[in-house]
Amino acid sequence: MRTGSEPTTARSALRARFWLCLWGLVWALFGTAVFALVGRTGWAVACGVLWLVIAVDFTFVVRHLRQGPHYQPGPDVPPYRPADVPPYRQSDGPPHQPPEEHRGRRPPDGRNR
């Protein structure tokens, strides 16, 4: 949910994830090979599973990097109304009466607004 307080220059750490995935792929592959040669099949399988998880994450990172930047609303776009505020309790607009079932009762979460 957009609150309006996001920095205008926020960026994702996809390039850092890319290099960390690449580093992890190399070490997981190295670990799989070494443990398989030494005869530690349990550790070799564990490194192989880790390699598989890192490879899947790597493909998602590369996919997101290739998609490029997406539209982000600028400072001139007003923030969205919080989802938990009932429409009759908004302060931005003409005042109107709440529905009959809500008159004189507190909201379900027990807070006064």
Protein backbone atom coordinates (compact mmCIF):
# COMPACT_ATOMS: atom_id res chain seq x y z
CA MET A 1 0.00 0.00 0.00
CA ARG A 2 1.35 3.42 -0.94
CA THR A 3 1.47 5.84 1.99
CA GLY A 4 3.04 8.83 0.25
CA SER A 5 6.21 8.72 2.35
CA GLU A 6 8.26 6.50 0.05
CA PRO A 7 11.55 7.92 -1.16
CA THR A 8 11.41 9.04 -4.75
CA THR A 9 14.74 7.39 -5.58
CA ALA A 10 14.16 3.97 -3.96
CA ARG A 11 15.79 1.14 -5.86
CA SER A 12 15.81 -2.61 -5.50
CA ALA A 13 18.98 -4.50 -4.64
CA LEU A 14 18.66 -6.82 -7.65
CA ARG A 15 22.25 -6.37 -8.77
CA ALA A 16 23.50 -7.32 -5.30
CA ARG A 17 21.21 -10.37 -5.34
CA PHE A 18 22.55 -11.23 -8.79
CA TRP A 19 26.17 -11.29 -7.60
CA LEU A 20 25.30 -13.10 -4.37
CA CYS A 21 23.41 -15.75 -6.35
CA LEU A 22 26.35 -16.15 -8.69
CA TRP A 23 28.71 -16.53 -5.71
CA GLY A 24 26.33 -19.06 -4.12
CA LEU A 25 26.01 -21.04 -7.34
CA VAL A 26 29.79 -21.39 -7.60
CA TRP A 27 30.20 -22.49 -3.98
CA ALA A 28 27.22 -24.86 -4.00
CA LEU A 29 28.51 -26.49 -7.18
CA PHE A 30 32.01 -26.73 -5.67
CA GLY A 31 30.59 -28.23 -2.47
CA THR A 32 28.51 -30.75 -4.38
CA ALA A 33 31.52 -31.88 -6.41
CA VAL A 34 33.92 -32.08 -3.44
CA PHE A 35 31.50 -33.91 -1.17
CA ALA A 36 30.62 -36.34 -3.97
CA LEU A 37 34.32 -37.09 -4.58
CA VAL A 38 35.02 -37.57 -0.86
CA GLY A 39 32.06 -39.93 -0.51
CA ARG A 40 29.81 -37.79 1.70
CA THR A 41 26.59 -38.30 -0.24
CA GLY A 42 24.36 -36.61 2.34
CA TRP A 43 26.37 -33.39 2.18
CA ALA A 44 26.59 -33.65 -1.60
CA VAL A 45 22.80 -33.94 -1.84
CA ALA A 46 22.38 -30.99 0.55
CA CYS A 47 24.70 -28.84 -1.56
CA GLY A 48 22.89 -29.99 -4.71
CA VAL A 49 19.53 -28.96 -3.26
CA LEU A 50 21.02 -25.63 -2.21
CA TRP A 51 22.37 -25.20 -5.73
CA LEU A 52 18.90 -25.85 -7.13
CA VAL A 53 17.28 -23.25 -4.82
CA ILE A 54 19.94 -20.69 -5.72
CA ALA A 55 19.48 -21.43 -9.44
CA VAL A 56 15.74 -20.79 -9.20
CA ASP A 57 16.35 -17.51 -7.34
CA PHE A 58 18.98 -16.58 -9.93
CA THR A 59 16.49 -17.04 -12.78
CA PHE A 60 13.96 -14.78 -11.02
CA VAL A 61 16.61 -12.13 -10.41
CA VAL A 62 17.73 -12.19 -14.04
CA ARG A 63 14.09 -12.02 -15.18
CA HIS A 64 13.41 -8.98 -13.00
CA LEU A 65 16.61 -7.29 -14.15
CA ARG A 66 15.63 -7.77 -17.78
CA GLN A 67 12.15 -6.34 -17.17
CA GLY A 68 13.72 -3.00 -16.29
CA PRO A 69 12.27 -0.29 -14.09
CA HIS A 70 8.52 -0.15 -13.56
CA TYR A 71 6.23 2.81 -13.10
CA GLN A 72 6.39 4.34 -9.66
CA PRO A 73 3.96 7.10 -8.73
CA GLY A 74 5.62 10.48 -8.24
CA PRO A 75 5.20 12.98 -5.42
CA ASP A 76 2.22 14.56 -7.17
CA VAL A 77 0.17 11.33 -6.80
CA PRO A 78 -1.76 11.37 -3.52
CA PRO A 79 -1.44 8.41 -1.17
CA TYR A 80 -4.12 5.78 -1.08
CA ARG A 81 -6.74 5.71 1.65
CA PRO A 82 -5.90 3.11 4.31
CA ALA A 83 -7.87 -0.06 3.68
CA ASP A 84 -9.05 -0.52 7.28
CA VAL A 85 -10.84 2.86 7.51
CA PRO A 86 -14.55 2.57 6.70
CA PRO A 87 -15.64 5.00 3.97
CA TYR A 88 -18.03 6.87 6.29
CA ARG A 89 -15.15 7.75 8.68
CA GLN A 90 -12.96 9.52 6.13
CA SER A 91 -11.95 13.09 6.82
CA ASP A 92 -11.40 14.01 3.17
CA GLY A 93 -14.83 14.79 1.83
CA PRO A 94 -18.24 15.93 2.86
CA PRO A 95 -19.39 14.60 6.21
CA HIS A 96 -22.19 12.09 6.05
CA GLN A 97 -23.91 9.73 8.44
CA PRO A 98 -22.59 6.22 9.00
CA PRO A 99 -24.85 3.31 8.16
CA GLU A 100 -27.56 2.54 10.71
CA GLU A 101 -25.79 -0.55 12.05
CA HIS A 102 -22.65 1.48 12.91
CA ARG A 103 -24.20 4.45 14.71
CA GLY A 104 -23.07 4.76 18.29
CA ARG A 105 -20.86 1.66 18.12
CA ARG A 106 -17.11 1.28 18.11
CA PRO A 107 -15.27 -0.23 15.15
CA PRO A 108 -14.58 -3.98 15.41
CA ASP A 109 -10.95 -3.39 16.48
CA GLY A 110 -12.10 -1.32 19.50
CA ARG A 111 -10.23 1.90 18.65
CA ASN A 112 -11.76 5.35 18.49
CA ARG A 113 -11.05 7.19 15.29
